[in-house]
Amino acid sequence: KAQLVKGEAFLGLNMSQIDGDKAYGYKRLGLHAGFGGMVPVYQKGDFSIDFSLEVAFSQKGSHQGQLYSDTINGEIITGEYDIYLNYLEVPVLFFFNDKQIASLGLGFSYGRLVGLKEYEHGHLTDVNLSYTGDDKYNLNDFCLLADVKLRVYERLKFGVRFQYSMKSIRTRQFYLINGEPGDLRQQYNNCITARLIYVFNEDRSNYIYDTYQFQGDN
């Protein structure tokens, strides 16, 4: 029996932070969208394994609102911080499927940084894609992935994905208010994604429906 190669389109929301930047919480919201393909590699009964390759646009970063207001050497210091990172990503995963209802995916992704803006104390910094300082961002990001998908209706699924950088995306030297060197920190992307997935060309002949027929009042 021929195995079907499945396609999918997805749209979702990233909730991200950057570990090591002193801004805490999944406060940076961003777009996650793309398409992919899945190739069956194993099936026995209701259990199957698919190999998945995706191409995605993914917005990540970090956000910290105003913490205080002070003036040092004529400059207003608020503690605000925002970083916007736009990636083109190629996730590669193996999905373990049960009864065509639930799936667990494990794998990794390669991301290329294509957009970058950083704000400190509400002001745009000179850190961008062409910035060459010692604390520049790595243009390449390799991440570990864990993914869970559940069928919502017919070919529509809902998924949650966790993603974490395998190596630092930036090494940054922090400084104290008096100008003296503080912590030297490695920074990592940390992202949770919620998304809707629509699957094309899916063989659903073995899909299990729960049916109920009204028999009348007893």
Protein backbone atom coordinates (compact mmCIF):
# COMPACT_ATOMS: atom_id res chain seq x y z
CA LYS A 1 0.00 0.00 0.00
CA ALA A 2 1.49 3.33 -1.08
CA GLN A 3 2.51 5.72 1.68
CA LEU A 4 1.33 9.32 1.31
CA VAL A 5 3.69 12.28 1.52
CA LYS A 6 1.81 14.89 3.54
CA GLY A 7 2.09 18.66 3.33
CA GLU A 8 1.19 21.20 5.98
CA ALA A 9 0.78 24.94 6.44
CA PHE A 10 0.94 26.51 9.87
CA LEU A 11 0.39 29.82 11.61
CA GLY A 12 1.11 30.59 15.23
CA LEU A 13 2.39 32.81 18.01
CA ASN A 14 5.86 32.80 19.56
CA MET A 15 6.29 33.64 23.25
CA SER A 16 10.01 34.10 23.78
CA GLN A 17 12.77 35.35 26.03
CA ILE A 18 16.56 35.45 25.84
CA ASP A 19 18.23 33.68 28.73
CA GLY A 20 21.18 35.71 29.98
CA ASP A 21 19.96 39.23 29.14
CA LYS A 22 18.58 40.03 32.65
CA ALA A 23 15.01 40.40 31.29
CA TYR A 24 12.81 37.59 32.56
CA GLY A 25 9.61 35.99 31.29
CA TYR A 26 8.17 34.99 27.93
CA LYS A 27 7.16 38.57 27.16
CA ARG A 28 8.22 39.02 23.53
CA LEU A 29 5.36 38.00 21.24
CA GLY A 30 6.04 37.28 17.59
CA LEU A 31 4.78 35.64 14.42
CA HIS A 32 5.46 32.01 13.53
CA ALA A 33 4.39 30.92 10.04
CA GLY A 34 5.46 28.57 7.29
CA PHE A 35 4.95 25.27 5.52
CA GLY A 36 6.41 21.78 5.54
CA GLY A 37 6.27 18.20 4.40
CA MET A 38 6.07 14.86 6.21
CA VAL A 39 7.26 11.49 4.91
CA PRO A 40 6.07 8.24 6.61
CA VAL A 41 9.01 6.10 7.71
CA TYR A 42 7.30 3.46 9.87
CA GLN A 43 3.81 2.19 10.63
CA LYS A 44 2.43 -0.67 12.70
CA GLY A 45 -1.22 -0.73 13.66
CA ASP A 46 -2.25 2.64 15.09
CA PHE A 47 1.36 3.74 15.69
CA SER A 48 3.42 5.51 13.04
CA ILE A 49 6.54 7.65 12.64
CA ASP A 50 6.87 10.59 10.21
CA PHE A 51 9.96 12.50 9.15
CA SER A 52 9.17 16.23 8.97
CA LEU A 53 10.97 19.09 7.22
CA GLU A 54 9.69 22.66 7.58
CA VAL A 55 10.51 26.18 6.44
CA ALA A 56 9.35 28.90 8.83
CA PHE A 57 9.55 32.63 9.53
CA SER A 58 9.90 33.10 13.28
CA GLN A 59 10.05 36.27 15.39
CA LYS A 60 11.84 36.02 18.73
CA GLY A 61 13.46 38.34 21.25
CA SER A 62 13.00 39.79 24.71
CA HIS A 63 11.07 42.54 26.47
CA GLN A 64 11.45 44.39 29.76
CA GLY A 65 9.24 47.32 30.68
CA GLN A 66 10.29 50.38 32.67
CA LEU A 67 11.71 49.49 36.09
CA TYR A 68 12.73 52.91 37.37
CA SER A 69 13.57 56.41 36.21
CA ASP A 70 16.89 58.07 36.92
CA THR A 71 19.26 60.53 35.26
CA ILE A 72 22.98 59.82 34.93
CA ASN A 73 25.26 62.30 33.13
CA GLY A 74 22.19 63.89 31.55
CA GLU A 75 20.85 60.57 30.23
CA ILE A 76 17.52 59.15 31.40
CA ILE A 77 17.91 55.56 32.62
CA THR A 78 14.71 53.46 32.90
CA GLY A 79 15.80 49.82 32.73
CA GLU A 80 13.63 49.26 29.64
CA TYR A 81 14.93 46.71 27.15
CA ASP A 82 13.62 45.34 23.85
CA ILE A 83 15.24 43.07 21.30
CA TYR A 84 13.53 41.98 18.08
CA LEU A 85 15.05 38.98 16.26
CA ASN A 86 13.64 37.70 12.97
CA TYR A 87 14.72 34.25 11.79
CA LEU A 88 14.25 32.07 8.75
CA GLU A 89 14.26 28.55 10.18
CA VAL A 90 14.48 25.00 8.86
CA PRO A 91 13.14 22.62 11.56
CA VAL A 92 13.80 18.88 11.15
CA LEU A 93 11.84 16.46 13.36
CA PHE A 94 10.65 12.90 13.79
CA PHE A 95 6.98 12.69 14.84
CA PHE A 96 5.66 9.69 16.78
CA ASN A 97 1.92 9.39 16.11
CA ASP A 98 -0.77 7.52 18.02
CA LYS A 99 -4.09 6.68 16.32
CA GLN A 100 -3.72 9.75 14.04
CA ILE A 101 -4.86 11.84 17.01
CA ALA A 102 -1.79 12.78 19.07
CA SER A 103 1.82 13.30 17.97
CA LEU A 104 5.11 13.86 19.77
CA GLY A 105 7.94 15.43 17.76
CA LEU A 106 11.65 15.61 18.59
CA GLY A 107 14.39 17.23 16.53
CA PHE A 108 16.41 20.36 15.88
CA SER A 109 16.32 23.47 13.70
CA TYR A 110 18.72 25.76 11.90
CA GLY A 111 17.85 29.45 11.99
CA ARG A 112 19.37 32.34 10.04
CA LEU A 113 19.02 35.80 11.57
CA VAL A 114 17.54 38.14 8.94
CA GLY A 115 16.30 41.04 11.09
CA LEU A 116 17.53 42.70 14.29
CA LYS A 117 16.61 45.76 16.35
CA GLU A 118 17.67 46.48 19.94
CA TYR A 119 16.40 49.20 22.29
CA GLU A 120 17.87 50.14 25.68
CA HIS A 121 16.13 52.60 28.02
CA GLY A 122 13.71 53.30 25.16
CA HIS A 123 16.41 54.25 22.65
CA LEU A 124 17.54 52.37 19.53
CA THR A 125 21.11 51.07 19.87
CA ASP A 126 23.70 50.59 17.12
CA VAL A 127 23.41 46.79 17.34
CA ASN A 128 22.11 45.50 13.99
CA LEU A 129 22.93 42.87 11.36
CA SER A 130 26.03 44.77 10.20
CA TYR A 131 27.28 45.52 13.74
CA THR A 132 30.82 44.13 14.28
CA GLY A 133 31.41 44.74 18.00
CA ASP A 134 32.50 42.06 20.46
CA ASP A 135 28.89 41.66 21.62
CA LYS A 136 27.41 41.12 18.15
CA TYR A 137 24.74 38.48 17.59
CA ASN A 138 25.56 35.17 15.95
CA LEU A 139 23.76 35.05 12.60
CA ASN A 140 23.26 31.27 12.93
CA ASP A 141 21.11 29.64 15.61
CA PHE A 142 20.90 25.87 16.15
CA CYS A 143 18.05 24.81 18.44
CA LEU A 144 16.70 21.65 20.04
CA LEU A 145 12.95 21.11 19.53
CA ALA A 146 10.14 19.28 21.31
CA ASP A 147 6.64 19.39 19.80
CA VAL A 148 3.18 18.10 20.71
CA LYS A 149 0.26 18.10 18.25
CA LEU A 150 -3.41 17.17 18.76
CA ARG A 151 -6.09 16.85 16.11
CA VAL A 152 -8.76 19.53 16.54
CA TYR A 153 -11.06 18.77 13.61
CA GLU A 154 -10.57 16.79 10.40
CA ARG A 155 -7.20 17.98 8.99
CA LEU A 156 -6.76 20.85 11.45
CA LYS A 157 -4.37 20.34 14.35
CA PHE A 158 -3.19 22.39 17.32
CA GLY A 159 0.44 22.22 18.38
CA VAL A 160 2.75 23.51 21.10
CA ARG A 161 6.50 23.63 20.50
CA PHE A 162 9.44 24.31 22.83
CA GLN A 163 12.69 25.53 21.31
CA TYR A 164 16.07 26.27 22.93
CA SER A 165 19.42 27.33 21.46
CA MET A 166 22.15 24.68 21.49
CA LYS A 167 24.91 27.33 21.59
CA SER A 168 24.91 30.97 22.63
CA ILE A 169 23.57 33.57 20.21
CA ARG A 170 25.54 36.35 21.88
CA THR A 171 28.21 36.99 24.51
CA ARG A 172 27.60 40.27 26.29
CA GLN A 173 29.58 42.24 28.83
CA PHE A 174 27.30 44.08 31.28
CA TYR A 175 28.45 47.22 33.09
CA LEU A 176 27.55 48.72 36.44
CA ILE A 177 25.97 52.17 36.73
CA ASN A 178 29.39 53.63 37.64
CA GLY A 179 30.84 52.28 34.40
CA GLU A 180 32.81 49.39 35.88
CA PRO A 181 32.57 45.93 34.22
CA GLY A 182 29.89 43.63 35.61
CA ASP A 183 28.77 40.17 34.47
CA LEU A 184 29.93 38.54 31.24
CA ARG A 185 26.94 36.47 30.07
CA GLN A 186 26.17 33.94 27.37
CA GLN A 187 22.71 34.42 25.84
CA TYR A 188 20.32 31.81 24.41
CA ASN A 189 16.97 31.87 22.61
CA ASN A 190 14.18 30.33 24.70
CA CYS A 191 10.85 30.08 22.89
CA ILE A 192 7.39 28.50 23.26
CA THR A 193 5.16 28.41 20.18
CA ALA A 194 1.41 27.80 19.95
CA ARG A 195 0.19 27.17 16.40
CA LEU A 196 -2.54 25.82 14.15
CA ILE A 197 -1.54 23.31 11.46
CA TYR A 198 -3.53 22.31 8.40
CA VAL A 199 -2.46 19.01 6.83
CA PHE A 200 -2.75 18.26 3.10
CA ASN A 201 -2.87 14.87 1.34
CA GLU A 202 -3.45 12.88 4.52
CA ASP A 203 -4.67 9.28 4.44
CA ARG A 204 -7.35 9.20 7.12
CA SER A 205 -8.85 5.80 6.32
CA ASN A 206 -7.77 4.47 9.71
CA TYR A 207 -8.91 7.53 11.64
CA ILE A 208 -11.10 6.53 14.58
CA TYR A 209 -14.40 8.39 14.97
CA ASP A 210 -16.45 8.26 18.14
CA THR A 211 -20.09 8.07 17.06
CA TYR A 212 -23.30 8.29 19.02
CA GLN A 213 -26.79 7.62 17.74
CA PHE A 214 -29.82 8.88 19.65
CA GLN A 215 -32.12 5.95 20.46
CA GLY A 216 -34.97 7.88 22.01
CA ASP A 217 -36.06 8.27 25.60
CA ASN A 218 -36.47 5.09 27.65
